[in-house]
Protein backbone atom coordinates (compact mmCIF):
# COMPACT_ATOMS: atom_id res chain seq x y z
CA MET A 1 0.00 0.00 0.00
CA GLU A 2 1.29 3.48 -0.87
CA VAL A 3 -0.26 6.74 0.26
CA PRO A 4 1.19 9.95 -1.22
CA ALA A 5 1.95 12.96 0.92
CA ALA A 6 1.00 16.45 -0.22
CA ASP A 7 4.62 17.63 -0.64
CA SER A 8 7.68 15.75 0.53
CA ALA A 9 11.19 14.53 -0.15
CA ASP A 10 12.84 13.40 -3.35
CA GLN A 11 13.14 10.56 -5.81
CA ASN A 12 16.59 9.52 -4.60
CA ALA A 13 15.83 9.17 -0.89
CA ARG A 14 16.33 5.85 0.85
CA GLU A 15 13.50 3.36 1.12
CA PRO A 16 14.14 1.42 4.33
CA GLU A 17 11.69 -1.39 3.63
CA SER A 18 12.67 -4.27 1.40
CA PRO A 19 10.35 -5.35 -1.45
CA GLU A 20 10.15 -8.76 0.22
CA GLN A 21 8.70 -7.23 3.37
CA ARG A 22 6.15 -5.15 1.52
CA GLU A 23 5.04 -8.19 -0.45
CA PHE A 24 4.85 -10.25 2.76
CA ILE A 25 2.47 -7.74 4.36
CA SER A 26 0.40 -7.46 1.18
CA THR A 27 0.15 -11.24 0.93
CA LEU A 28 -0.99 -11.51 4.54
CA ARG A 29 -3.70 -8.92 3.97
CA ARG A 30 -4.95 -10.84 0.91
CA ARG A 31 -4.97 -14.10 2.81
CA TYR A 32 -6.76 -12.46 5.74
CA HIS A 33 -9.47 -11.36 3.31
CA ASP A 34 -9.67 -14.72 1.54
CA GLU A 35 -9.05 -17.26 4.32
CA GLY A 36 -10.38 -15.60 7.44
CA SER A 37 -8.80 -14.38 10.63
CA VAL A 38 -6.83 -17.50 11.71
CA PHE A 39 -4.50 -19.36 9.35
CA TRP A 40 -1.01 -20.86 9.17
CA VAL A 41 1.26 -18.19 7.73
CA ASP A 42 4.19 -20.55 7.45
CA ASP A 43 5.35 -23.83 8.94
CA GLY A 44 5.07 -23.32 12.72
CA GLU A 45 3.67 -19.77 12.46
CA LEU A 46 -0.04 -19.26 13.11
CA GLY A 47 -1.59 -15.89 12.31
CA ILE A 48 -4.33 -14.98 14.80
CA PHE A 49 -6.03 -11.84 13.52
CA ASP A 50 -9.42 -12.14 15.20
CA PRO A 51 -9.13 -9.59 18.06
CA ASP A 52 -10.97 -11.66 20.67
CA LEU A 53 -9.07 -14.85 19.89
CA ALA A 54 -5.80 -12.94 19.78
CA ARG A 55 -6.33 -11.52 23.27
CA ARG A 56 -7.35 -14.92 24.62
CA VAL A 57 -4.34 -16.75 23.18
CA HIS A 58 -1.90 -14.00 24.16
CA THR A 59 -3.24 -13.87 27.71
CA HIS A 60 -3.01 -17.65 28.09
CA ASN A 61 0.56 -17.58 26.81
CA VAL A 62 2.03 -14.74 28.87
CA VAL A 63 0.18 -14.38 32.18
CA GLY A 64 2.38 -15.41 35.08
CA SER A 65 5.48 -15.85 32.93
CA PRO A 66 8.58 -15.63 35.17
CA LEU A 67 11.82 -13.88 34.39
CA GLY A 68 14.83 -16.10 33.86
CA ASP A 69 17.07 -17.03 36.76
CA ARG A 70 19.77 -14.65 38.00
CA LEU A 71 23.27 -15.22 36.63
CA ILE A 72 24.73 -15.92 40.07
CA ASP A 73 22.06 -18.55 40.71
CA LEU A 74 22.70 -20.18 37.35
CA LEU A 75 26.39 -20.41 38.21
CA ARG A 76 25.59 -21.90 41.61
CA ARG A 77 22.93 -24.19 40.12
CA ARG A 78 20.13 -22.99 42.34
CA PRO A 79 16.73 -21.47 41.57
CA SER A 80 16.26 -17.72 41.82
CA PRO A 81 13.39 -16.03 43.66
CA VAL A 82 10.45 -16.10 41.27
CA VAL A 83 9.60 -12.69 39.81
CA THR A 84 7.06 -12.45 37.00
CA TRP A 85 6.76 -9.85 34.30
CA ASP A 86 3.34 -9.09 35.79
CA GLN A 87 5.10 -7.88 38.94
CA VAL A 88 7.52 -5.73 36.95
CA ARG A 89 4.67 -4.25 34.90
CA GLY A 90 2.70 -3.60 38.08
CA ALA A 91 5.61 -1.62 39.52
CA TRP A 92 5.89 0.40 36.32
CA LEU A 93 2.16 1.08 36.10
CA GLY A 94 2.16 2.49 39.59
CA ARG A 95 5.02 4.79 38.64
CA ILE A 96 3.36 5.85 35.39
CA ARG A 97 0.56 7.44 37.38
CA ALA A 98 3.11 9.61 39.19
CA LEU A 99 4.73 10.48 35.85
CA SER A 100 1.48 11.50 34.16
CA GLY A 101 1.53 15.08 35.38
CA ALA A 102 2.38 18.59 34.27
CA GLN A 103 6.03 18.29 35.32
CA THR A 104 6.63 15.28 33.07
CA THR A 105 4.78 16.83 30.12
CA ALA A 106 6.77 20.07 30.45
CA GLY A 107 10.01 18.06 30.57
CA LEU A 108 9.05 16.13 27.44
CA GLU A 109 8.31 19.40 25.65
CA GLU A 110 11.62 20.95 26.67
CA ARG A 111 13.61 17.98 25.37
CA MET A 112 11.61 17.73 22.13
CA ARG A 113 12.08 21.44 21.48
CA ALA A 114 15.83 21.04 22.00
CA VAL A 115 16.01 18.41 19.23
CA PHE A 116 13.99 20.54 16.80
CA HIS A 117 15.92 23.69 17.64
CA ALA A 118 19.26 22.01 16.99
CA ARG A 119 18.15 21.21 13.43
CA LEU A 120 16.63 24.54 12.42
CA GLY A 121 17.22 25.55 8.82
CA ARG A 122 18.85 22.27 7.78
CA GLU A 123 17.32 19.69 5.50
CA VAL A 124 16.87 16.49 7.47
CA ASP A 125 15.42 13.03 7.12
CA LEU A 126 12.07 13.59 8.82
CA VAL A 127 11.73 9.93 9.77
CA TRP A 128 15.04 10.08 11.63
CA LEU A 129 14.00 13.37 13.18
CA ALA A 130 10.84 11.73 14.53
CA HIS A 131 12.75 8.80 16.02
CA GLU A 132 15.46 10.98 17.54
CA THR A 133 12.92 13.40 19.02
CA ILE A 134 10.93 10.65 20.70
CA THR A 135 14.01 8.75 21.90
CA ARG A 136 15.85 11.72 23.40
CA ALA A 137 12.70 12.98 25.09
CA THR A 138 11.71 9.59 26.52
CA VAL A 139 14.97 8.14 27.88
CA PRO A 140 14.96 10.33 31.05
CA VAL A 141 11.43 9.13 31.79
CA ILE A 142 12.80 5.59 31.88
CA ILE A 143 16.15 6.29 33.54
CA ASP A 144 17.01 9.80 34.69
CA GLY A 145 20.22 11.16 36.15
CA LEU A 146 22.66 9.56 33.70
CA SER A 147 25.90 11.46 33.20
CA PRO A 148 26.33 13.03 29.74
CA ARG A 149 28.77 10.29 28.83
CA ALA A 150 26.48 7.49 30.01
CA ALA A 151 23.48 9.08 28.28
CA ALA A 152 25.47 9.28 25.03
CA VAL A 153 26.26 5.56 25.26
CA VAL A 154 22.60 4.65 25.86
CA HIS A 155 21.49 6.85 22.96
CA ALA A 156 24.10 5.30 20.66
CA ASP A 157 22.72 1.86 21.47
CA LEU A 158 19.14 2.96 20.78
CA ILE A 159 20.05 4.75 17.55
CA GLY A 160 21.77 1.58 16.36
CA LYS A 161 18.62 -0.42 17.06
CA ILE A 162 16.49 2.11 15.22
CA ARG A 163 18.87 1.99 12.24
CA HIS A 164 18.56 -1.80 12.23
CA LEU A 165 14.78 -1.55 12.26
CA LEU A 166 14.61 0.96 9.43
CA ALA A 167 17.09 -1.01 7.35
CA THR A 168 14.68 -3.95 7.90
CA ALA A 169 15.33 -7.59 8.45
CA GLU A 170 14.50 -10.52 6.23
CA SER A 171 11.06 -11.21 7.71
CA GLY A 172 7.97 -9.08 7.42
CA HIS A 173 7.25 -8.88 11.14
CA LEU A 174 8.92 -7.08 13.98
CA ASP A 175 11.01 -9.25 16.28
CA ASN A 176 12.59 -7.14 19.01
CA SER A 177 15.33 -9.71 19.55
CA ARG A 178 16.67 -8.77 16.09
CA LEU A 179 17.00 -5.06 16.90
CA SER A 180 20.66 -5.33 17.74
CA THR A 181 23.61 -2.95 17.60
CA SER A 182 27.25 -3.95 17.98
CA PRO A 183 27.91 -6.17 21.01
CA MET A 184 30.34 -3.63 22.46
CA THR A 185 27.77 -0.82 22.26
CA GLN A 186 25.18 -3.00 23.96
CA ILE A 187 27.64 -3.95 26.71
CA ARG A 188 28.58 -0.33 27.34
CA ALA A 189 24.91 0.71 27.47
CA GLY A 190 24.17 -2.12 29.91
CA LEU A 191 27.08 -1.05 32.11
CA ALA A 192 25.80 2.54 32.14
CA VAL A 193 22.42 1.31 33.36
CA ARG A 194 24.05 -1.00 35.90
CA MET A 195 26.13 1.83 37.37
CA GLU A 196 23.03 3.98 37.86
CA LEU A 197 21.11 1.13 39.52
CA ARG A 198 24.04 0.23 41.76
CA GLY A 199 24.51 3.86 42.79
CA ARG A 200 20.86 4.22 43.74
CA SER A 201 20.79 0.91 45.62
CA ARG A 202 23.83 1.97 47.69
CA GLY A 203 22.52 5.47 48.34
CA SER A 204 25.36 7.23 46.52
CA ARG A 205 22.94 8.45 43.83
CA PRO A 206 19.53 9.99 44.54
CA GLY A 207 16.24 8.40 43.65
CA ARG A 208 14.49 9.85 40.61
CA LEU A 209 10.98 10.29 39.28
CA ASP A 210 11.45 7.67 36.57
CA LEU A 211 10.57 4.07 35.76
CA THR A 212 13.87 2.77 37.09
CA GLU A 213 13.14 3.86 40.66
CA PRO A 214 10.48 1.20 41.50
CA ILE A 215 12.79 -1.49 40.13
CA VAL A 216 15.51 -0.40 42.58
CA ARG A 217 13.23 0.44 45.50
CA ASP A 218 10.71 -2.42 45.36
CA LEU A 219 12.06 -5.32 43.32
CA LEU A 220 15.87 -5.30 43.38
CA PRO A 221 16.35 -7.74 46.30
CA ASP A 222 14.40 -10.46 44.49
CA LEU A 223 15.39 -9.49 40.96
CA GLY A 224 19.10 -9.19 41.58
CA MET A 225 21.20 -6.73 39.62
CA ASP A 226 21.33 -8.74 36.38
CA ARG A 227 17.58 -9.08 36.04
CA ALA A 228 17.02 -5.48 37.15
CA VAL A 229 19.34 -4.26 34.40
CA ASP A 230 17.53 -6.52 31.92
CA ALA A 231 14.18 -5.02 32.91
CA VAL A 232 15.36 -1.43 32.45
CA THR A 233 17.14 -2.13 29.18
CA ALA A 234 14.03 -3.95 27.91
CA MET A 235 12.04 -0.78 28.53
CA LEU A 236 14.71 1.28 26.76
CA THR A 237 14.64 -1.10 23.80
CA ALA A 238 10.87 -0.63 23.57
CA VAL A 239 11.55 3.03 22.76
CA ALA A 240 13.74 2.06 19.79
CA GLY A 241 11.24 1.66 16.99
CA PRO A 242 7.45 1.77 17.29
CA PRO A 243 7.17 5.06 19.26
CA GLY A 244 9.34 6.89 16.74
CA SER A 245 7.47 5.26 13.86
CA ALA A 246 4.19 6.52 15.31
CA ALA A 247 5.70 10.01 15.54
CA ALA A 248 6.86 9.83 11.90
CA SER A 249 3.33 8.83 10.89
CA VAL A 250 1.91 11.81 12.78
CA MET A 251 4.35 14.11 10.96
CA PHE A 252 3.42 12.48 7.64
CA GLU A 253 -0.30 13.03 8.18
CA LEU A 254 0.22 16.62 9.35
CA GLN A 255 1.75 17.25 5.90
CA ARG A 256 -1.03 15.46 4.05
CA GLN A 257 -4.01 16.67 6.07
CA THR A 258 -3.60 20.42 5.77
CA HIS A 259 -7.20 21.07 6.82
CA TRP A 260 -6.73 19.10 10.01
CA ALA A 261 -3.35 20.69 10.66
CA GLU A 262 -5.02 24.11 10.62
CA LEU A 263 -7.73 22.91 13.00
CA LEU A 264 -5.03 21.64 15.35
CA ARG A 265 -3.17 24.94 15.13
CA LYS A 266 -6.27 26.93 16.07
CA GLU A 267 -6.99 24.56 18.96
CA HIS A 268 -3.52 24.89 20.45
CA LEU A 269 -3.26 28.64 20.03
CA ASP A 270 -6.22 28.92 22.41
CA VAL A 271 -4.67 26.70 25.11
CA PRO A 272 -2.03 28.14 27.50
CA ASP A 273 1.02 25.98 28.26
CA GLU A 274 0.03 25.48 31.89
CA GLU A 275 -3.42 24.19 30.96
CA PHE A 276 -2.01 21.93 28.26
CA HIS A 277 0.70 20.47 30.50
CA ALA A 278 -1.87 19.69 33.19
CA SER A 279 -4.14 17.69 30.85
CA PRO A 280 -3.11 17.32 27.20
CA THR A 281 -5.97 15.08 26.10
CA ARG A 282 -8.66 17.15 27.81
CA SER A 283 -7.31 20.51 26.63
CA ALA A 284 -6.75 19.38 23.02
CA PRO A 285 -9.62 16.98 22.10
CA VAL A 286 -9.35 17.57 18.34
CA THR A 287 -5.65 16.73 18.43
CA HIS A 288 -6.40 13.66 20.51
CA ARG A 289 -8.83 12.45 17.82
CA PHE A 290 -6.21 13.18 15.14
CA VAL A 291 -3.58 11.12 16.99
CA LYS A 292 -6.00 8.24 17.57
CA GLU A 293 -6.79 8.10 13.88
CA VAL A 294 -3.09 8.12 12.92
CA LEU A 295 -2.53 5.19 15.29
CA ARG A 296 -5.50 3.34 13.83
CA LEU A 297 -4.32 3.78 10.26
CA TRP A 298 -0.55 3.40 10.76
CA ASN A 299 -0.17 1.45 13.97
CA PRO A 300 3.31 0.00 14.60
CA PRO A 301 4.38 -2.76 14.50
CA SER A 302 2.61 -4.25 11.49
CA LEU A 303 3.04 -7.72 12.97
CA LEU A 304 4.04 -8.99 16.37
CA ALA A 305 5.55 -12.47 16.69
CA ARG A 306 5.52 -14.35 19.99
CA VAL A 307 6.94 -17.74 20.96
CA VAL A 308 4.40 -20.22 22.28
CA ARG A 309 5.12 -21.15 25.91
CA ARG A 310 2.03 -23.23 26.65
CA GLU A 311 0.10 -25.58 24.38
CA THR A 312 -2.91 -23.69 23.08
CA LYS A 313 -5.91 -24.63 20.96
CA VAL A 314 -7.48 -21.91 18.83
CA ALA A 315 -10.06 -22.10 16.05
CA GLY A 316 -9.35 -25.77 15.40
CA HIS A 317 -5.57 -25.35 15.41
CA THR A 318 -3.10 -26.48 18.06
CA LEU A 319 -0.08 -24.38 18.96
CA HIS A 320 2.83 -26.25 20.58
CA PRO A 321 5.61 -24.74 22.69
CA GLY A 322 8.36 -23.35 20.51
CA GLN A 323 6.07 -22.45 17.62
CA LEU A 324 5.10 -18.85 16.85
CA TYR A 325 1.83 -16.98 16.77
CA LEU A 326 1.44 -13.66 14.95
CA LEU A 327 -0.77 -10.79 16.06
CA SER A 328 -1.60 -7.69 14.03
CA SER A 329 -3.54 -4.59 14.97
CA LEU A 330 -2.95 -3.52 11.36
CA MET A 331 -5.26 -6.26 10.09
CA VAL A 332 -7.96 -5.38 12.61
CA HIS A 333 -7.72 -1.62 12.15
CA HIS A 334 -8.17 -1.95 8.37
CA ASP A 335 -11.01 -4.47 8.49
CA PRO A 336 -14.31 -3.13 7.05
CA ALA A 337 -16.13 -5.60 9.28
CA TYR A 338 -15.23 -3.33 12.18
CA TRP A 339 -14.60 0.09 10.63
CA THR A 340 -16.56 2.23 8.19
CA ASP A 341 -14.28 3.15 5.25
CA PRO A 342 -11.20 1.84 7.08
CA GLU A 343 -8.74 3.23 4.50
CA THR A 344 -10.08 6.77 4.95
CA PHE A 345 -8.36 9.13 7.37
CA ASP A 346 -11.23 10.44 9.49
CA PRO A 347 -10.56 11.71 13.04
CA ASP A 348 -14.27 12.47 13.38
CA ARG A 349 -14.92 8.74 13.67
CA TRP A 350 -13.70 9.25 17.27
CA LEU A 351 -16.44 11.71 18.17
CA PRO A 352 -18.71 10.33 20.92
CA GLU A 353 -21.75 10.43 18.64
CA ALA A 354 -20.00 8.64 15.75
CA SER A 355 -20.77 5.00 15.06
CA ASN A 356 -19.74 2.26 12.70
CA ALA A 357 -23.32 1.68 11.59
CA ASN A 358 -22.23 0.31 8.21
CA CYS A 359 -19.88 -2.28 9.68
CA PRO A 360 -21.24 -5.85 9.95
CA ASN A 361 -19.62 -6.33 13.37
CA GLY A 362 -19.91 -2.75 14.60
CA PRO A 363 -22.31 -1.99 17.47
CA ASN A 364 -25.17 -1.07 15.13
CA GLY A 365 -24.29 -3.37 12.26
CA PRO A 366 -26.35 -6.48 11.44
CA ASN A 367 -24.12 -8.73 13.57
CA GLY A 368 -23.53 -6.17 16.30
CA PRO A 369 -25.35 -6.20 19.65
CA ASN A 370 -27.82 -3.54 18.55
CA GLY A 371 -28.40 -4.94 15.06
CA PRO A 372 -31.09 -7.39 13.93
CA ASN A 373 -28.86 -10.40 14.61
CA GLY A 374 -27.40 -9.01 17.81
CA THR A 375 -27.86 -9.86 21.47
CA GLY A 376 -28.47 -6.37 22.79
CA GLU A 377 -25.45 -6.70 25.06
CA PRO A 378 -23.18 -3.63 25.20
CA THR A 379 -19.86 -3.77 23.39
CA ALA A 380 -16.98 -1.54 22.39
CA ARG A 381 -17.61 0.36 19.17
CA ALA A 382 -14.73 -1.44 17.41
CA PRO A 383 -11.54 -3.25 18.42
CA TYR A 384 -8.78 -0.67 18.77
CA ILE A 385 -5.28 -1.83 19.73
CA PRO A 386 -2.95 1.17 19.41
CA PHE A 387 -0.42 0.13 22.07
CA GLY A 388 -0.19 -3.63 21.82
CA TRP A 389 -2.21 -6.59 22.99
CA ALA A 390 -3.40 -7.04 26.54
CA PRO A 391 -2.16 -8.13 28.99
CA THR A 392 1.26 -6.96 27.73
CA SER A 393 0.16 -3.71 26.13
CA CYS A 394 2.51 -0.77 26.50
CA VAL A 395 2.69 0.48 30.10
CA GLY A 396 3.55 3.93 28.72
CA ALA A 397 0.44 4.27 26.54
CA THR A 398 -0.72 7.44 28.32
CA LEU A 399 2.70 9.04 28.07
CA GLY A 400 2.98 7.94 24.44
CA THR A 401 -0.32 9.59 23.58
CA THR A 402 0.74 12.74 25.43
CA GLN A 403 3.99 12.86 23.48
CA LEU A 404 2.23 12.55 20.10
CA ILE A 405 -0.26 15.29 21.04
CA LEU A 406 2.70 17.39 22.16
CA LEU A 407 4.40 16.74 18.82
CA CYS A 408 1.30 18.07 17.03
CA ARG A 409 1.30 21.13 19.27
CA LEU A 410 4.93 21.94 18.53
CA LEU A 411 4.60 21.39 14.77
CA THR A 412 1.48 23.52 14.41
CA THR A 413 2.37 26.44 16.69
CA ARG A 414 6.13 26.78 17.20
CA TYR A 415 7.83 24.93 14.34
CA ALA A 416 7.00 24.28 10.70
CA LEU A 417 8.06 21.36 8.53
CA THR A 418 8.80 22.34 4.94
CA PRO A 419 9.11 19.25 2.73
CA ARG A 420 11.60 19.27 -0.12
CA PRO A 421 9.85 20.77 -3.18
CA GLY A 422 8.66 18.29 -5.77
CA GLY A 423 9.07 15.32 -3.49
CA HIS A 424 6.85 12.27 -3.37
CA ALA A 425 6.69 10.85 0.13
CA ARG A 426 4.95 7.53 0.54
CA MET A 427 3.83 5.46 3.49
CA MET A 428 5.14 1.91 3.22
CA LEU A 429 3.95 -1.05 5.24
CA ALA A 430 6.72 -3.35 6.41
CA ALA A 431 7.94 -4.21 9.93
CA VAL A 432 6.50 -0.85 10.96
CA PRO A 433 4.54 1.63 8.82
CA THR A 434 7.21 4.10 7.72
CA PRO A 435 7.13 7.21 5.50
CA THR A 436 9.76 7.04 2.79
CA ARG A 437 11.28 9.85 0.71
CA PHE A 438 10.29 12.10 3.58
CA TYR A 439 12.85 14.91 3.77
CA GLY A 440 12.48 18.57 4.64
CA GLN A 441 13.49 21.52 6.81
CA VAL A 442 12.44 22.57 10.29
CA THR A 443 11.87 26.29 10.69
CA LEU A 444 10.47 28.56 13.38
CA ARG A 445 7.00 29.91 12.80
CA GLY A 446 6.63 33.67 12.73
């Protein structure tokens, strides 16, 4: 699928997705249409694209999954204290609530503005700009207080992972284990994280309002240092890819949807910084709808592959440990059974009074609860999975939404993106939806 931008980039710009990946995604979408929502994609790989079945299988597979044993316990051939990912996520979710305030939003804005300001007047790759802006703004939310040298090492590791993602791998789905930089860079980044954790645990470094703090304060005795470092670096790795891709998609649509960009500009000009920082979604509802529609249309990753841990039966198929199952919000978000005109960019579909009356499985469609074949039981208006599949959906979903709304605010009020004249940007579907040939300049608005 290709969607042209209004004005962007040039004919000679890089295209990070391989033809094989694009064909893989296109083939899956055809098979989804022809064969239904559950089918064997390849030997040992089952695609589960029905949203209810996908949640059920994913929940069965991941709930209660423990972290691996600590290195010292492996060496001494003894079991480690059991800590599950549910416990780690629970600690993070509690911290996210403390981070979802005006202070965090203002900090995100300051760091995002610094990235834009450093690139004023220069032609840049707008995809890279999106990734760098999100990464540099988000790292201190995960682990704050790093020295400039340590922060540079962590950023180098993340940039390498992003480069790997954009260069694409052989398969058409995103596998985070493949997002690797050089072993030495990874080791140095891990050591930087370890030093910060060790300093906090010994009291030589202060606690911080970040996602690392509950790992040190609440879980470190049972986790041990190795597993604590793994947890923090796993969260850092989650920043290297999909969040930046979502930001690039927002920038892409701001260039295409000039009418909506003007509506967003008018909305933000009427909202003071203090009011916006206190409640971004409430103070900018039009922008919130715009961001939700971008995430529906171009939700990263295109596919998510997970290893089967427990034998599972689904839709007449049996998954055995070691096999893979594939999940895709992309398939669901573009399914006309759930969405009216799913290929149309329409933020107004998120208005409270909007409905998917023309969708067979929508609330008011013939198979929906309020339709002639329905049960009358209440249901969600349509399956929407912008931040991954429960119960392992992104713990930073609220912060991620805030950051994308903030990106819209900055690019409609303070900065302007000027695409290269005569360019032809396109949105390509591969491991993540990514604009290609998307180059331009960042300038200050008058």
